[in-house]
Amino acid sequence: MSRKKDILHCYSERGICLYDTVEINGIMQYIQVRGENKSAPLLLFLHGGPGGSMAGLCHIMQSEWEKNFTVVNWDQRNTCKTYLANKNNAAAIAQTGSISDYMADIDAVIDYLHTIYDFEKIILAGFSWGSLIGAEYAKTHGDRVSHYIGIGQHIHYIDGLQYSCEWLKDAAKDSASDINKIQRFLDNIPQPPEMNATFLRSLQGFSMLGAKYIAKDGRPFPLKDLLTSPFLNLSEKMSMLRSDPKLFTGTYHTLMNHDFRKNLHFDMPVLFVSGDEDFVCPNQLLERCFDDISAPFKKIAVIPKATHLCFYDQPRVFLKEITEFINITM
């Protein structure tokens, strides 16, 4: 068997390796379902970004998950395989991306999963941007979600940037030039918030400073694994490397104007996992409102020596946290 077939179809009849593109709310959208044992709990992963599909790197970042869960990856609007399946309509799709758009999409993904699986409720895990739509869906769909896991939970975009800039200033206190760069970045955050080309470039500088002073223990992004991924063809790989912010105009508006703290009620157990070096979605914002969160069970797990990609930096610790959470709250 070739390496590609080995990875794409690694599970026997006891498990599942399913790759499908289905129509969801007028858009052809890609859904991937993988797991070693079909009787394992079903976990829907909402990727970050926007545009940060995980489907092409599941064999690198989620292989151990697939031993404990049946893992569903879904390419959201204008992302990777979904983008290429709707390329001629991408400009119109870019103007969508409201909370209600994504709530309807998640509903339809779960409806689709009901056609191939017999289950009552699903575990919902949202990462970064995906935690914004994941948390909002969980808050309002207790009839469909058994557990919610927020990974690098998004709280408020601008408040998060401001907190991280102060964190960076303290870490860079011996470098006047870097402190000046951080202050210039803060002063030039668009008001009202909007993602434009100038701000996107300044975010890249902010990220470099964050990596220099805070996120020192992160593993390098597995670029080679992305380029050789058997899950992606060449066009799909290029779409991941050249993601255009213009494809997410409506989604960025949602990201930059949403406040997690406006509704803090969950009808299901919730777990929030983050790295202690996460300056992208600093967990300190979550800690400030954690006492006000209403849920049958709630926990924050901060993983040492881990960045925003805590599940990649410290995979064993991350998996232990989420499996223990599911086991004690089932």
Protein backbone atom coordinates (compact mmCIF):
# COMPACT_ATOMS: atom_id res chain seq x y z
CA MET A 1 0.00 0.00 0.00
CA SER A 2 1.36 3.48 -0.85
CA ARG A 3 2.12 6.02 1.86
CA LYS A 4 -0.89 8.08 0.72
CA LYS A 5 -3.32 5.15 0.93
CA ASP A 6 -1.70 4.07 4.19
CA ILE A 7 -2.56 7.41 5.81
CA LEU A 8 -5.85 8.15 4.08
CA HIS A 9 -7.33 4.72 4.80
CA CYS A 10 -5.49 3.68 7.94
CA TYR A 11 -8.46 2.25 9.84
CA SER A 12 -10.26 -1.07 9.40
CA GLU A 13 -14.02 -1.54 9.26
CA ARG A 14 -14.03 -1.06 13.03
CA GLY A 15 -13.00 2.54 12.43
CA ILE A 16 -13.77 5.18 9.83
CA CYS A 17 -11.92 7.24 7.20
CA LEU A 18 -14.55 9.31 5.42
CA TYR A 19 -13.94 12.30 3.10
CA ASP A 20 -16.97 14.08 1.66
CA THR A 21 -18.07 17.37 0.14
CA VAL A 22 -21.73 18.18 0.76
CA GLU A 23 -24.01 21.14 0.12
CA ILE A 24 -24.46 23.20 3.27
CA ASN A 25 -26.61 26.33 3.10
CA GLY A 26 -26.00 26.72 -0.64
CA ILE A 27 -22.21 26.17 -0.38
CA MET A 28 -20.33 22.93 -1.11
CA GLN A 29 -18.41 22.26 2.11
CA TYR A 30 -15.78 19.64 2.94
CA ILE A 31 -16.19 17.26 5.90
CA GLN A 32 -13.67 14.68 7.07
CA VAL A 33 -14.42 11.97 9.64
CA ARG A 34 -11.64 9.78 11.06
CA GLY A 35 -11.31 7.46 14.02
CA GLU A 36 -9.85 4.13 15.04
CA ASN A 37 -13.11 2.98 16.62
CA LYS A 38 -16.52 4.11 15.42
CA SER A 39 -17.95 3.55 18.90
CA ALA A 40 -15.66 6.26 20.33
CA PRO A 41 -17.25 9.64 21.18
CA LEU A 42 -17.83 11.93 18.21
CA LEU A 43 -15.82 15.19 18.39
CA LEU A 44 -16.39 18.05 15.94
CA PHE A 45 -13.30 20.27 15.68
CA LEU A 46 -13.79 23.89 14.56
CA HIS A 47 -10.55 25.17 13.08
CA GLY A 48 -9.03 28.58 13.69
CA GLY A 49 -7.84 31.25 11.31
CA PRO A 50 -10.13 32.26 9.80
CA GLY A 51 -9.05 29.90 7.03
CA GLY A 52 -6.88 27.62 9.17
CA SER A 53 -8.08 24.20 8.03
CA MET A 54 -6.80 21.29 10.10
CA ALA A 55 -7.87 18.55 7.67
CA GLY A 56 -4.52 18.44 5.84
CA LEU A 57 -2.51 18.09 9.05
CA CYS A 58 -4.75 15.74 11.03
CA HIS A 59 -2.16 12.95 10.72
CA ILE A 60 0.40 15.26 12.40
CA MET A 61 -1.71 17.08 14.98
CA GLN A 62 -4.66 14.78 15.68
CA SER A 63 -3.48 11.19 15.16
CA GLU A 64 -3.59 10.40 18.89
CA TRP A 65 -7.01 12.02 19.18
CA GLU A 66 -8.30 9.50 16.64
CA LYS A 67 -7.48 6.66 19.06
CA ASN A 68 -9.83 8.16 21.67
CA PHE A 69 -12.44 9.98 19.58
CA THR A 70 -14.03 9.93 16.17
CA VAL A 71 -12.70 13.28 14.95
CA VAL A 72 -14.60 15.46 12.50
CA ASN A 73 -12.77 18.22 10.63
CA TRP A 74 -14.78 20.66 8.54
CA ASP A 75 -13.39 23.28 6.15
CA GLN A 76 -15.42 26.40 6.89
CA ARG A 77 -16.52 29.06 4.39
CA ASN A 78 -13.80 30.02 1.88
CA THR A 79 -11.31 27.66 3.54
CA CYS A 80 -9.09 25.18 1.65
CA LYS A 81 -11.21 22.42 0.05
CA THR A 82 -14.45 24.31 0.64
CA TYR A 83 -12.97 27.43 -0.97
CA LEU A 84 -11.82 25.53 -4.07
CA ALA A 85 -15.18 23.82 -4.42
CA ASN A 86 -16.82 27.27 -4.61
CA LYS A 87 -14.02 29.35 -6.15
CA ASN A 88 -16.28 31.05 -8.69
CA ASN A 89 -18.52 32.27 -5.89
CA ALA A 90 -15.79 33.10 -3.36
CA ALA A 91 -16.24 36.89 -3.54
CA ALA A 92 -19.91 36.62 -2.59
CA ILE A 93 -19.18 34.08 0.16
CA ALA A 94 -16.55 36.48 1.56
CA GLN A 95 -19.31 38.96 2.39
CA THR A 96 -21.04 36.35 4.59
CA GLY A 97 -19.68 35.11 7.90
CA SER A 98 -22.05 36.42 10.56
CA ILE A 99 -22.66 34.48 13.76
CA SER A 100 -25.99 33.29 12.34
CA ASP A 101 -24.26 32.08 9.14
CA TYR A 102 -21.87 29.94 11.14
CA MET A 103 -24.56 28.71 13.54
CA ALA A 104 -26.55 27.48 10.53
CA ASP A 105 -23.45 25.82 9.06
CA ILE A 106 -22.64 23.97 12.29
CA ASP A 107 -26.27 22.85 12.51
CA ALA A 108 -26.03 21.45 8.99
CA VAL A 109 -22.71 19.69 9.68
CA ILE A 110 -24.26 17.98 12.70
CA ASP A 111 -27.35 17.09 10.61
CA TYR A 112 -25.02 15.48 8.06
CA LEU A 113 -23.23 13.50 10.78
CA HIS A 114 -26.58 12.14 11.92
CA THR A 115 -26.96 10.54 8.46
CA ILE A 116 -23.82 8.43 9.00
CA TYR A 117 -23.80 8.04 12.81
CA ASP A 118 -26.30 7.18 15.50
CA PHE A 119 -25.66 9.67 18.31
CA GLU A 120 -27.65 11.98 20.56
CA LYS A 121 -25.21 14.84 21.15
CA ILE A 122 -21.73 15.76 19.97
CA ILE A 123 -18.56 16.98 21.68
CA LEU A 124 -17.74 20.40 20.24
CA ALA A 125 -14.14 21.67 20.29
CA GLY A 126 -13.27 25.13 18.97
CA PHE A 127 -9.75 26.44 18.44
CA SER A 128 -8.95 30.19 18.36
CA TRP A 129 -11.37 31.73 15.81
CA GLY A 130 -13.22 28.40 15.93
CA SER A 131 -13.71 28.86 19.68
CA LEU A 132 -15.69 32.03 18.98
CA ILE A 133 -18.31 30.25 16.88
CA GLY A 134 -17.98 27.07 18.95
CA ALA A 135 -18.75 28.78 22.26
CA GLU A 136 -21.69 30.69 20.79
CA TYR A 137 -23.12 27.53 19.29
CA ALA A 138 -22.70 25.61 22.54
CA LYS A 139 -24.34 28.39 24.57
CA THR A 140 -27.49 28.21 22.44
CA HIS A 141 -27.62 24.52 21.45
CA GLY A 142 -27.59 22.49 24.65
CA ASP A 143 -29.87 20.01 22.89
CA ARG A 144 -27.12 19.13 20.39
CA VAL A 145 -23.83 19.53 22.32
CA SER A 146 -22.81 17.21 25.18
CA HIS A 147 -19.49 18.94 26.04
CA TYR A 148 -17.73 22.10 24.94
CA ILE A 149 -13.92 22.44 24.73
CA GLY A 150 -12.49 25.90 24.07
CA ILE A 151 -8.86 25.73 22.91
CA GLY A 152 -7.16 29.12 23.02
CA GLN A 153 -10.60 30.53 23.77
CA HIS A 154 -11.39 33.81 22.03
CA ILE A 155 -12.80 36.39 24.45
CA HIS A 156 -12.52 39.82 22.78
CA TYR A 157 -10.19 40.66 19.92
CA ILE A 158 -9.08 44.19 20.86
CA ASP A 159 -8.99 43.55 24.62
CA GLY A 160 -6.81 40.52 23.91
CA LEU A 161 -4.39 42.55 21.78
CA GLN A 162 -4.16 45.26 24.40
CA TYR A 163 -3.49 42.76 27.18
CA SER A 164 -0.81 40.97 25.15
CA CYS A 165 0.87 44.26 24.24
CA GLU A 166 1.22 45.15 27.93
CA TRP A 167 2.53 41.63 28.57
CA LEU A 168 5.03 42.11 25.75
CA LYS A 169 6.13 45.51 27.02
CA ASP A 170 6.94 44.00 30.38
CA ALA A 171 8.85 41.13 28.79
CA ALA A 172 10.75 43.55 26.50
CA LYS A 173 11.49 46.12 29.21
CA ASP A 174 15.22 46.05 28.43
CA SER A 175 14.68 46.90 24.75
CA ALA A 176 13.48 50.46 24.17
CA SER A 177 13.20 49.91 20.43
CA ASP A 178 10.91 46.88 20.82
CA ILE A 179 8.76 48.70 23.39
CA ASN A 180 8.37 51.53 20.86
CA LYS A 181 7.33 49.01 18.18
CA ILE A 182 4.71 47.56 20.51
CA GLN A 183 3.35 51.01 21.34
CA ARG A 184 3.16 51.97 17.65
CA PHE A 185 1.23 48.78 16.98
CA LEU A 186 -1.20 49.60 19.79
CA ASP A 187 -1.66 53.16 18.57
CA ASN A 188 -2.45 51.98 15.04
CA ILE A 189 -5.16 49.44 15.81
CA PRO A 190 -8.04 50.50 13.50
CA GLN A 191 -11.03 52.15 15.13
CA PRO A 192 -13.63 50.88 14.59
CA PRO A 193 -11.86 47.50 14.34
CA GLU A 194 -11.36 46.25 10.79
CA MET A 195 -8.94 43.86 9.11
CA ASN A 196 -7.20 45.76 6.32
CA ALA A 197 -3.88 45.15 4.56
CA THR A 198 -1.99 47.67 6.71
CA PHE A 199 -3.22 46.21 9.97
CA LEU A 200 -2.53 42.67 8.75
CA ARG A 201 1.10 43.59 8.08
CA SER A 202 1.43 45.16 11.53
CA LEU A 203 -0.02 41.97 13.06
CA GLN A 204 2.86 40.04 11.51
CA GLY A 205 5.33 42.30 13.35
CA PHE A 206 3.35 41.85 16.57
CA SER A 207 3.51 38.06 16.12
CA MET A 208 7.28 38.15 15.64
CA LEU A 209 7.71 40.09 18.89
CA GLY A 210 5.37 37.69 20.67
CA ALA A 211 7.44 34.74 19.51
CA LYS A 212 10.64 36.50 20.58
CA TYR A 213 9.59 37.36 24.12
CA ILE A 214 6.68 35.09 25.12
CA ALA A 215 6.08 32.04 22.92
CA LYS A 216 9.57 30.61 23.31
CA ASP A 217 8.63 26.95 23.68
CA GLY A 218 6.45 26.53 20.60
CA ARG A 219 7.26 23.82 18.10
CA PRO A 220 8.02 25.05 14.57
CA PHE A 221 5.03 24.91 12.25
CA PRO A 222 5.20 21.61 10.29
CA LEU A 223 5.50 23.23 6.87
CA LYS A 224 7.11 20.16 5.29
CA ASP A 225 4.24 17.99 6.51
CA LEU A 226 1.74 20.41 5.02
CA LEU A 227 3.58 20.42 1.67
CA THR A 228 3.68 16.61 1.59
CA SER A 229 0.22 16.04 3.08
CA PRO A 230 -1.61 13.16 1.36
CA PHE A 231 -4.90 14.84 2.24
CA LEU A 232 -4.29 17.84 -0.02
CA ASN A 233 -3.62 18.32 -3.70
CA LEU A 234 -1.30 21.05 -4.94
CA SER A 235 -4.06 23.67 -5.30
CA GLU A 236 -5.26 22.99 -1.78
CA LYS A 237 -1.75 23.31 -0.36
CA MET A 238 -1.27 26.61 -2.17
CA SER A 239 -4.62 27.89 -0.87
CA MET A 240 -3.42 27.21 2.68
CA LEU A 241 -0.11 28.99 2.13
CA ARG A 242 -1.61 31.97 0.31
CA SER A 243 -4.80 32.54 2.28
CA ASP A 244 -6.24 35.91 1.21
CA PRO A 245 -7.86 38.05 3.96
CA LYS A 246 -10.31 39.35 1.33
CA LEU A 247 -11.90 35.90 1.39
CA PHE A 248 -13.03 36.52 4.98
CA THR A 249 -14.37 40.08 5.00
CA GLY A 250 -17.58 39.21 6.82
CA THR A 251 -15.89 36.68 9.08
CA TYR A 252 -13.21 39.17 10.15
CA HIS A 253 -15.95 41.67 10.99
CA THR A 254 -17.49 39.03 13.27
CA LEU A 255 -14.11 38.16 14.81
CA MET A 256 -13.13 41.74 15.58
CA ASN A 257 -16.46 42.84 17.02
CA HIS A 258 -17.59 39.86 19.08
CA ASP A 259 -17.53 39.66 22.88
CA PHE A 260 -17.64 36.20 24.50
CA ARG A 261 -18.55 37.85 27.83
CA LYS A 262 -22.01 39.00 26.74
CA ASN A 263 -23.45 35.55 27.45
CA LEU A 264 -21.68 33.25 29.91
CA HIS A 265 -24.27 30.46 30.29
CA PHE A 266 -23.62 26.90 29.13
CA ASP A 267 -25.99 23.96 29.62
CA MET A 268 -23.16 21.41 29.29
CA PRO A 269 -19.75 20.80 30.92
CA VAL A 270 -17.06 23.13 29.59
CA LEU A 271 -13.27 22.87 29.48
CA PHE A 272 -10.96 25.69 28.41
CA VAL A 273 -7.42 24.66 27.44
CA SER A 274 -4.61 27.05 26.59
CA GLY A 275 -0.85 27.37 26.66
CA ASP A 276 0.84 29.51 29.28
CA GLU A 277 2.71 31.27 26.43
CA ASP A 278 -0.41 32.04 24.37
CA PHE A 279 -0.27 35.74 23.50
CA VAL A 280 -2.76 35.36 20.61
CA CYS A 281 -5.73 34.55 22.85
CA PRO A 282 -4.32 35.16 26.34
CA ASN A 283 -6.04 32.95 28.91
CA GLN A 284 -5.88 35.78 31.44
CA LEU A 285 -8.96 37.35 29.81
CA LEU A 286 -10.87 34.13 30.36
CA GLU A 287 -9.69 33.91 33.97
CA ARG A 288 -11.14 37.38 34.64
CA CYS A 289 -14.65 36.27 33.70
CA PHE A 290 -14.42 32.58 34.66
CA ASP A 291 -16.28 32.97 37.95
CA ASP A 292 -19.26 34.39 36.05
CA ILE A 293 -19.50 31.41 33.69
CA SER A 294 -22.51 29.24 34.48
CA ALA A 295 -22.14 25.53 33.60
CA PRO A 296 -22.77 22.13 35.21
CA PHE A 297 -18.98 21.69 35.30
CA LYS A 298 -16.24 24.12 34.29
CA LYS A 299 -12.47 24.01 34.27
CA ILE A 300 -9.49 25.97 32.94
CA ALA A 301 -6.39 23.93 32.07
CA VAL A 302 -3.26 25.99 31.36
CA ILE A 303 -0.52 23.86 29.81
CA PRO A 304 3.07 24.81 30.71
CA LYS A 305 5.59 25.50 27.94
CA ALA A 306 2.87 25.74 25.31
CA THR A 307 1.81 28.49 22.93
CA HIS A 308 -1.42 29.18 21.05
CA LEU A 309 -1.05 25.75 19.40
CA CYS A 310 -1.01 24.06 22.80
CA PHE A 311 -2.32 20.77 21.38
CA TYR A 312 0.69 20.62 19.05
CA ASP A 313 3.33 21.90 21.49
CA GLN A 314 2.35 19.51 24.30
CA PRO A 315 0.19 16.80 22.66
CA ARG A 316 0.26 14.26 25.49
CA VAL A 317 -0.69 16.78 28.17
CA PHE A 318 -3.42 18.21 25.96
CA LEU A 319 -4.94 14.81 25.17
CA LYS A 320 -4.82 13.83 28.84
CA GLU A 321 -6.73 16.99 29.78
CA ILE A 322 -9.52 16.49 27.26
CA THR A 323 -9.94 12.74 27.79
CA GLU A 324 -10.08 13.14 31.57
CA PHE A 325 -12.62 15.94 31.15
CA ILE A 326 -14.86 13.75 28.97
CA ASN A 327 -14.47 10.71 31.24
CA ILE A 328 -15.41 12.51 34.46
CA THR A 329 -18.37 14.37 32.96
CA MET A 330 -19.98 11.63 30.85
